[in-house]
Protein backbone atom coordinates (compact mmCIF):
# COMPACT_ATOMS: atom_id res chain seq x y z
CA UNK A 1 25.00 -51.77 -26.81
CA UNK A 2 25.05 -48.33 -25.16
CA UNK A 3 26.02 -46.75 -28.46
CA UNK A 4 23.11 -48.43 -30.24
CA UNK A 5 20.62 -47.29 -27.59
CA UNK A 6 22.03 -43.75 -27.75
CA UNK A 7 21.64 -43.72 -31.54
CA UNK A 8 18.06 -44.89 -31.31
CA UNK A 9 17.23 -42.17 -28.78
CA UNK A 10 18.68 -39.51 -31.07
CA UNK A 11 16.65 -40.75 -34.09
CA UNK A 12 13.44 -40.78 -32.04
CA UNK A 13 14.13 -37.26 -30.79
CA UNK A 14 14.69 -35.92 -34.28
CA UNK A 15 11.50 -37.60 -35.52
CA UNK A 16 9.55 -36.09 -32.64
CA UNK A 17 10.84 -32.60 -33.42
CA UNK A 18 9.97 -32.91 -37.12
CA UNK A 19 6.52 -34.25 -36.30
CA UNK A 20 5.88 -31.33 -33.96
CA UNK A 21 6.88 -28.82 -36.62
CA UNK A 22 4.57 -30.44 -39.17
CA UNK A 23 1.65 -30.43 -36.71
CA UNK A 24 2.17 -26.72 -36.07
CA UNK A 25 2.20 -25.99 -39.84
CA UNK A 26 -1.05 -27.89 -40.35
CA UNK A 27 -2.71 -26.00 -37.46
CA UNK A 28 -1.58 -22.68 -38.92
CA UNK A 29 -2.99 -23.60 -42.34
CA UNK A 30 -6.28 -24.67 -40.80
CA UNK A 31 -6.48 -21.44 -38.85
CA UNK A 32 -5.70 -19.37 -41.95
CA UNK A 33 -8.44 -21.10 -43.95
CA UNK A 34 -11.07 -19.55 -41.72
CA UNK A 35 -9.89 -16.02 -42.54
CA UNK A 36 -11.64 -14.15 -45.36
CA UNK A 37 -9.55 -12.74 -48.23
CA UNK A 38 -9.94 -8.96 -48.64
CA UNK A 39 -12.33 -7.99 -51.47
CA UNK A 40 -10.86 -7.10 -54.87
CA UNK A 41 -11.37 -3.59 -56.26
CA UNK A 42 -13.11 -3.52 -59.64
CA UNK A 43 -14.94 -1.13 -61.98
CA UNK A 44 -18.53 -1.82 -62.94
CA UNK A 45 -21.00 -1.06 -65.72
CA UNK A 46 -24.76 -1.47 -66.04
CA UNK A 47 -26.18 -3.64 -68.80
CA UNK A 48 -28.23 -1.32 -71.04
CA UNK A 49 -30.87 -1.70 -73.69
CA UNK A 50 -30.41 0.64 -76.66
CA UNK A 51 -31.71 1.19 -80.16
CA UNK A 52 -29.04 0.73 -82.82
CA UNK A 53 -29.51 1.24 -86.52
CA UNK A 54 -29.18 -2.07 -88.31
CA UNK A 55 -25.98 -2.35 -90.31
CA UNK A 56 -24.09 -4.95 -92.30
CA UNK A 57 -20.33 -4.52 -92.08
CA UNK A 58 -17.66 -5.49 -94.58
CA UNK A 59 -14.14 -4.67 -95.71
CA UNK A 60 -13.63 -3.11 -99.14
CA UNK A 61 -11.32 -1.22 -101.43
CA UNK A 62 -11.77 2.24 -102.94
CA UNK A 63 -11.70 2.47 -106.74
CA UNK A 64 -11.88 5.42 -109.12
CA UNK A 65 -14.97 5.89 -111.26
CA UNK A 66 -12.50 6.33 -114.12
CA UNK A 67 -8.85 5.44 -113.81
CA UNK A 68 -6.16 4.39 -116.26
CA UNK A 69 -2.43 4.09 -116.71
CA UNK A 70 -1.85 6.17 -119.85
CA UNK A 71 0.26 4.29 -122.41
CA UNK A 72 1.15 4.62 -126.09
CA UNK A 73 -0.16 2.51 -128.96
CA UNK A 74 2.92 3.15 -131.12
CA UNK A 75 6.61 3.30 -130.25
CA UNK A 76 8.68 6.43 -130.71
CA UNK A 77 10.97 9.04 -129.20
CA UNK A 78 9.46 11.54 -126.75
CA UNK A 79 9.54 14.95 -128.44
CA UNK A 80 7.35 16.92 -126.03
CA UNK A 81 5.95 16.50 -122.50
CA UNK A 82 2.92 18.64 -121.71
CA UNK A 83 2.28 17.95 -118.01
CA UNK A 84 3.84 17.93 -114.56
CA UNK A 85 3.54 15.18 -111.96
CA UNK A 86 0.41 15.55 -109.81
CA UNK A 87 -1.26 18.07 -112.12
CA UNK A 88 -5.01 18.31 -112.68
CA UNK A 89 -5.91 18.03 -116.38
CA UNK A 90 -9.03 18.40 -118.49
CA UNK A 91 -10.19 15.99 -121.15
CA UNK A 92 -8.09 16.42 -124.30
CA UNK A 93 -5.10 18.14 -122.66
CA UNK A 94 -1.75 17.19 -124.21
CA UNK A 95 0.29 14.75 -122.18
CA UNK A 96 3.07 13.51 -124.48
CA UNK A 97 3.90 14.01 -128.15
CA UNK A 98 6.20 11.52 -129.86
CA UNK A 99 8.48 12.38 -132.76
CA UNK A 100 6.50 12.27 -136.04
CA UNK A 101 9.10 13.62 -138.47
CA UNK A 102 9.13 10.52 -140.68
CA UNK A 103 5.34 10.16 -140.60
CA UNK A 104 4.86 13.79 -141.69
CA UNK A 105 7.22 13.24 -144.62
CA UNK A 106 5.31 10.11 -145.59
CA UNK A 107 2.06 12.06 -145.30
CA UNK A 108 3.26 14.72 -147.75
CA UNK A 109 4.15 12.01 -150.26
CA UNK A 110 0.81 10.29 -149.71
CA UNK A 111 -1.10 13.56 -150.16
CA UNK A 112 0.75 14.15 -153.44
CA UNK A 113 -0.31 10.71 -154.60
CA UNK A 114 -3.86 11.49 -153.59
CA UNK A 115 -3.85 14.72 -155.60
CA UNK A 116 -2.44 12.94 -158.65
CA UNK A 117 -5.01 10.15 -158.35
CA UNK A 118 -7.80 12.74 -158.02
CA UNK A 119 -6.74 14.55 -161.19
CA UNK A 120 -6.41 11.25 -163.03
CA UNK A 121 -9.87 10.19 -161.93
CA UNK A 122 -11.39 13.52 -163.06
CA UNK A 123 -9.78 13.29 -166.51
CA UNK A 124 -10.82 9.65 -166.87
CA UNK A 125 -14.39 10.59 -165.99
CA UNK A 126 -14.49 13.29 -168.68
CA UNK A 127 -13.05 10.93 -171.28
CA UNK A 128 -15.53 8.27 -170.28
CA UNK A 129 -18.38 10.72 -170.88
CA UNK A 130 -17.03 11.18 -174.39
CA UNK A 131 -16.72 7.36 -174.76
CA UNK A 132 -13.01 7.72 -175.32
CA UNK A 133 -12.15 5.35 -172.44
CA UNK A 134 -13.84 2.22 -171.15
CA UNK A 135 -15.76 1.90 -167.90
CA UNK A 136 -13.04 -0.41 -166.57
CA UNK A 137 -10.44 2.33 -166.87
CA UNK A 138 -12.71 4.73 -164.98
CA UNK A 139 -13.25 2.17 -162.22
CA UNK A 140 -9.51 1.61 -161.98
CA UNK A 141 -8.86 5.36 -161.64
CA UNK A 142 -11.51 5.70 -158.87
CA UNK A 143 -10.08 2.70 -157.03
CA UNK A 144 -6.57 4.17 -157.21
CA UNK A 145 -7.89 7.44 -155.75
CA UNK A 146 -9.57 5.67 -152.83
CA UNK A 147 -6.48 3.57 -152.16
CA UNK A 148 -4.23 6.63 -151.99
CA UNK A 149 -6.72 8.43 -149.76
CA UNK A 150 -6.75 5.43 -147.39
CA UNK A 151 -2.94 5.42 -147.27
CA UNK A 152 -2.94 9.10 -146.33
CA UNK A 153 -5.58 8.52 -143.64
CA UNK A 154 -3.48 5.68 -142.14
CA UNK A 155 -0.48 8.01 -141.85
CA UNK A 156 -2.64 10.74 -140.25
CA UNK A 157 -3.95 8.17 -137.75
CA UNK A 158 -0.39 7.16 -136.85
CA UNK A 159 0.51 10.81 -136.27
CA UNK A 160 -2.61 11.25 -134.09
CA UNK A 161 -1.72 8.16 -132.03
CA UNK A 162 1.69 9.66 -131.32
CA UNK A 163 -0.03 12.69 -129.80
CA UNK A 164 -1.22 11.33 -126.43
CA UNK A 165 -3.92 13.40 -124.70
CA UNK A 166 -5.90 12.95 -121.48
CA UNK A 167 -8.90 10.67 -122.23
CA UNK A 168 -10.89 12.27 -119.37
CA UNK A 169 -10.52 14.93 -116.70
CA UNK A 170 -8.70 13.96 -113.53
CA UNK A 171 -5.51 14.12 -111.49
CA UNK A 172 -2.21 12.84 -112.84
CA UNK A 173 0.26 10.76 -110.90
CA UNK A 174 4.05 10.67 -111.12
CA UNK A 175 5.60 11.13 -114.58
CA UNK A 176 7.27 7.91 -115.75
CA UNK A 177 8.92 9.17 -118.98
CA UNK A 178 11.57 11.73 -119.89
CA UNK A 179 12.18 13.98 -122.85
CA UNK A 180 14.14 12.20 -125.57
CA UNK A 181 13.37 8.74 -124.22
CA UNK A 182 12.27 6.03 -126.67
CA UNK A 183 8.93 4.53 -125.67
CA UNK A 184 8.01 0.97 -126.56
CA UNK A 185 4.42 0.08 -127.29
CA UNK A 186 2.38 -0.16 -124.08
CA UNK A 187 4.94 1.45 -121.77
CA UNK A 188 3.22 3.41 -118.95
CA UNK A 189 3.50 7.19 -119.15
CA UNK A 190 1.49 8.38 -116.12
CA UNK A 191 -1.48 7.36 -113.97
CA UNK A 192 -4.68 9.35 -114.52
CA UNK A 193 -7.50 9.07 -111.97
CA UNK A 194 -10.87 10.85 -111.85
CA UNK A 195 -11.30 11.61 -108.13
CA UNK A 196 -14.56 13.56 -108.13
CA UNK A 197 -16.64 10.38 -107.71
CA UNK A 198 -15.25 7.16 -106.26
CA UNK A 199 -16.53 3.62 -105.81
CA UNK A 200 -16.18 1.23 -102.89
CA UNK A 201 -16.14 -2.43 -103.87
CA UNK A 202 -16.89 -4.97 -101.13
CA UNK A 203 -18.64 -8.31 -100.52
CA UNK A 204 -21.26 -9.64 -98.12
CA UNK A 205 -22.34 -13.25 -97.36
CA UNK A 206 -25.20 -14.68 -99.39
CA UNK A 207 -27.38 -14.73 -96.24
CA UNK A 208 -27.58 -10.93 -96.42
CA UNK A 209 -28.68 -10.82 -100.06
CA UNK A 210 -32.40 -10.70 -99.25
CA UNK A 211 -31.95 -7.42 -97.32
CA UNK A 212 -29.93 -5.65 -100.01
CA UNK A 213 -31.22 -3.34 -102.70
CA UNK A 214 -29.73 -0.47 -104.65
CA UNK A 215 -30.23 2.99 -103.18
CA UNK A 216 -29.45 1.95 -99.60
CA UNK A 217 -27.17 4.21 -97.56
CA UNK A 218 -23.56 3.04 -97.18
CA UNK A 219 -21.14 4.50 -94.63
CA UNK A 220 -17.38 4.39 -95.25
CA UNK A 221 -14.59 4.76 -92.69
CA UNK A 222 -10.85 4.47 -93.14
CA UNK A 223 -7.82 4.54 -90.85
CA UNK A 224 -6.49 7.49 -92.86
CA UNK A 225 -9.27 9.72 -91.42
CA UNK A 226 -10.34 7.98 -88.18
CA UNK A 227 -12.64 10.84 -87.13
CA UNK A 228 -14.47 11.19 -90.46
CA UNK A 229 -17.31 9.20 -91.99
CA UNK A 230 -18.21 9.28 -95.68
CA UNK A 231 -21.82 8.68 -96.77
CA UNK A 232 -22.60 7.08 -100.11
CA UNK A 233 -25.19 5.02 -101.92
CA UNK A 234 -25.32 1.36 -102.89
CA UNK A 235 -25.37 1.54 -106.69
CA UNK A 236 -24.71 -2.00 -107.94
CA UNK A 237 -25.27 -5.61 -106.82
CA UNK A 238 -23.54 -8.36 -108.78
CA UNK A 239 -26.07 -10.73 -110.40
CA UNK A 240 -23.94 -13.79 -109.56
CA UNK A 241 -22.22 -15.00 -106.38
CA UNK A 242 -18.63 -16.05 -105.87
CA UNK A 243 -18.70 -19.85 -106.03
CA UNK A 244 -15.72 -20.15 -103.66
CA UNK A 245 -16.88 -17.84 -100.85
CA UNK A 246 -20.67 -17.79 -101.53
CA UNK A 247 -20.62 -14.01 -101.22
CA UNK A 248 -22.17 -11.30 -103.38
CA UNK A 249 -20.04 -8.44 -104.69
CA UNK A 250 -21.38 -4.91 -104.15
CA UNK A 251 -20.44 -1.41 -105.26
CA UNK A 252 -21.23 1.86 -103.48
CA UNK A 253 -20.66 5.33 -104.94
CA UNK A 254 -19.29 8.27 -102.95
CA UNK A 255 -18.87 11.95 -103.75
CA UNK A 256 -15.25 12.99 -103.25
CA UNK A 257 -15.27 16.73 -103.91
CA UNK A 258 -12.47 17.37 -101.40
CA UNK A 259 -10.31 14.55 -102.85
CA UNK A 260 -9.74 12.96 -99.43
CA UNK A 261 -10.38 9.43 -100.65
CA UNK A 262 -7.93 7.86 -103.09
CA UNK A 263 -8.18 4.75 -105.29
CA UNK A 264 -6.70 1.66 -103.67
CA UNK A 265 -7.50 2.72 -100.11
CA UNK A 266 -8.46 0.03 -97.59
CA UNK A 267 -11.84 0.94 -96.07
CA UNK A 268 -14.64 -0.38 -93.87
CA UNK A 269 -18.18 -0.33 -95.20
CA UNK A 270 -21.47 -0.35 -93.33
CA UNK A 271 -24.69 -0.86 -95.25
CA UNK A 272 -27.36 0.90 -93.17
CA UNK A 273 -30.66 -0.94 -92.89
CA UNK A 274 -33.87 1.14 -92.83
CA UNK A 275 -35.10 -0.28 -89.48
CA UNK A 276 -33.53 0.22 -86.05
CA UNK A 277 -33.19 -2.77 -83.72
CA UNK A 278 -33.25 -3.01 -79.92
CA UNK A 279 -30.05 -4.50 -78.50
CA UNK A 280 -28.53 -5.25 -75.10
CA UNK A 281 -25.05 -3.73 -74.81
CA UNK A 282 -22.13 -3.81 -72.37
CA UNK A 283 -18.61 -2.36 -72.54
CA UNK A 284 -16.26 -4.53 -74.58
CA UNK A 285 -13.85 -4.56 -71.63
CA UNK A 286 -16.42 -6.57 -69.65
CA UNK A 287 -16.04 -9.60 -71.91
CA UNK A 288 -13.56 -12.28 -70.87
CA UNK A 289 -12.58 -14.17 -74.03
CA UNK A 290 -11.60 -17.82 -73.77
CA UNK A 291 -11.43 -20.80 -76.17
CA UNK A 292 -14.38 -22.47 -74.46
CA UNK A 293 -16.61 -19.38 -74.65
CA UNK A 294 -16.99 -15.72 -73.75
CA UNK A 295 -18.11 -14.76 -70.27
CA UNK A 296 -18.69 -11.81 -67.94
CA UNK A 297 -18.66 -11.40 -64.17
CA UNK A 298 -22.09 -10.36 -62.91
CA UNK A 299 -22.02 -8.36 -59.64
CA UNK A 300 -24.53 -9.53 -57.02
CA UNK A 301 -25.36 -8.59 -53.43
CA UNK A 302 -24.56 -11.09 -50.67
CA UNK A 303 -26.16 -11.21 -47.26
CA UNK A 304 -24.12 -11.75 -44.11
CA UNK A 305 -23.69 -15.42 -43.13
CA UNK A 306 -21.22 -17.78 -41.50
CA UNK A 307 -18.88 -17.37 -44.46
CA UNK A 308 -18.51 -13.62 -44.00
CA UNK A 309 -20.20 -10.20 -43.79
CA UNK A 310 -22.63 -8.71 -46.32
CA UNK A 311 -21.21 -7.19 -49.50
CA UNK A 312 -20.79 -7.72 -53.20
CA UNK A 313 -19.68 -10.92 -54.92
CA UNK A 314 -19.19 -11.85 -58.57
CA UNK A 315 -20.73 -14.69 -60.53
CA UNK A 316 -19.19 -15.82 -63.81
CA UNK A 317 -21.81 -15.93 -66.57
CA UNK A 318 -21.24 -17.25 -70.10
CA UNK A 319 -22.66 -15.06 -72.89
CA UNK A 320 -23.00 -14.89 -76.66
CA UNK A 321 -21.84 -11.64 -78.24
CA UNK A 322 -22.85 -9.91 -81.47
CA UNK A 323 -21.60 -6.90 -83.37
CA UNK A 324 -19.61 -4.10 -81.80
CA UNK A 325 -19.75 -0.31 -82.00
CA UNK A 326 -17.04 1.82 -80.48
CA UNK A 327 -16.38 0.64 -76.92
CA UNK A 328 -19.63 -1.36 -76.73
CA UNK A 329 -20.56 -4.88 -77.78
CA UNK A 330 -24.00 -6.46 -78.23
CA UNK A 331 -24.92 -9.37 -75.93
CA UNK A 332 -27.37 -11.77 -77.55
CA UNK A 333 -27.82 -14.12 -74.57
CA UNK A 334 -26.53 -14.38 -71.00
CA UNK A 335 -27.36 -11.09 -69.29
CA UNK A 336 -30.38 -8.83 -68.93
CA UNK A 337 -30.82 -5.04 -68.93
CA UNK A 338 -30.29 -3.54 -65.47
CA UNK A 339 -27.75 -6.13 -64.30
CA UNK A 340 -24.32 -4.90 -63.29
CA UNK A 341 -21.13 -6.43 -64.69
CA UNK A 342 -17.43 -5.97 -64.04
CA UNK A 343 -15.84 -3.66 -66.63
CA UNK A 344 -12.24 -3.56 -65.33
CA UNK A 345 -10.17 -5.96 -63.22
CA UNK A 346 -11.59 -9.20 -64.67
CA UNK A 347 -8.38 -11.20 -64.77
CA UNK A 348 -7.89 -11.25 -60.99
CA UNK A 349 -11.40 -12.58 -60.26
CA UNK A 350 -12.84 -16.01 -59.68
CA UNK A 351 -16.41 -17.20 -59.21
CA UNK A 352 -17.89 -16.14 -55.84
CA UNK A 353 -15.11 -13.68 -54.94
CA UNK A 354 -15.97 -10.61 -52.85
CA UNK A 355 -15.46 -7.25 -54.58
CA UNK A 356 -15.79 -3.52 -54.01
CA UNK A 357 -16.63 -0.97 -56.73
CA UNK A 358 -14.46 1.97 -57.70
CA UNK A 359 -15.35 3.67 -60.99
CA UNK A 360 -13.32 6.84 -60.49
CA UNK A 361 -10.13 5.79 -62.28
CA UNK A 362 -11.50 3.97 -65.34
CA UNK A 363 -12.49 5.95 -68.49
CA UNK A 364 -16.12 5.88 -69.54
CA UNK A 365 -16.92 3.80 -72.64
CA UNK A 366 -18.15 5.62 -75.73
CA UNK A 367 -19.84 4.63 -78.98
CA UNK A 368 -17.48 6.99 -80.81
CA UNK A 369 -14.20 6.79 -78.91
CA UNK A 370 -11.44 9.32 -79.66
CA UNK A 371 -8.34 8.36 -77.67
CA UNK A 372 -6.12 11.32 -76.96
CA UNK A 373 -2.89 9.50 -77.74
CA UNK A 374 -4.02 7.77 -80.96
């Protein structure tokens, strides 16, 4: 019995100790809840109202005003190459001449036949005047002359087709044939592109069609030259729309005197509207993106109360964004000009948290950013 009582006393003592420890933990937690968390350091930006030129943006591809892969209409062995890879050529410059030895021999035979047929036709005509021969014989002689002349012209045309010249002025690509090589019909010889004037082909949704007309200014940018903008003109609007995407295909023309742009380049196009629009803008870093909607943290002043001293607090505000330019983004609804929003340090905030501003370490946003390490 003594052992049982002793065991019970020990169990009760252990329970009392554990209960005391738990009570102390709860008191410490309750005491800590009354303490205020230190404010978070953030960077801020003022919501501004600006005038932006109206633009419609799209992605397009650069194309040459004239461009072709030079090929041959007739097969043959390469007898002469008249260009070097990457050369600039004028219209009519010799590119490749194929072997025409057999055609030239055939031409001499054909020309001899033509001369014989001509003499025969002249004699037949004289005899016909004297009524020595019939009209049918004269007609036969004339027909034979024309047939032989046509045969000779066909051989001359074959010889001309084996002399391949530049169809227009431009810059050549890499040579794809070698001297002595036999070329099959249609085999590529070299790429020829006219680079003085280039086109940009792109598409816009059908909703934008009412604002489009030829002659509008188009601005082109490409990752190849991130600091340069090319200005061109909208020159063509397709009369029909793509039935799959419901978009209209457009073409802009650009002068390319310095040959910076090349056919096939990926490029961004902006069709500039004639009227500027007033927009509300904030730095893009102020926007907190989430699946349920975009939001910003608006900075507000807080008076001293039982919950803490006076200072700055943040309020999460959902917004609707529009187009972007450089480091800025347009806000369609949610904030007003003059309000202040958090521009750095968003991910450590929650609604109602106290904050302090420090804008010394964050870079200033720019409409035309040029990062030093890009």
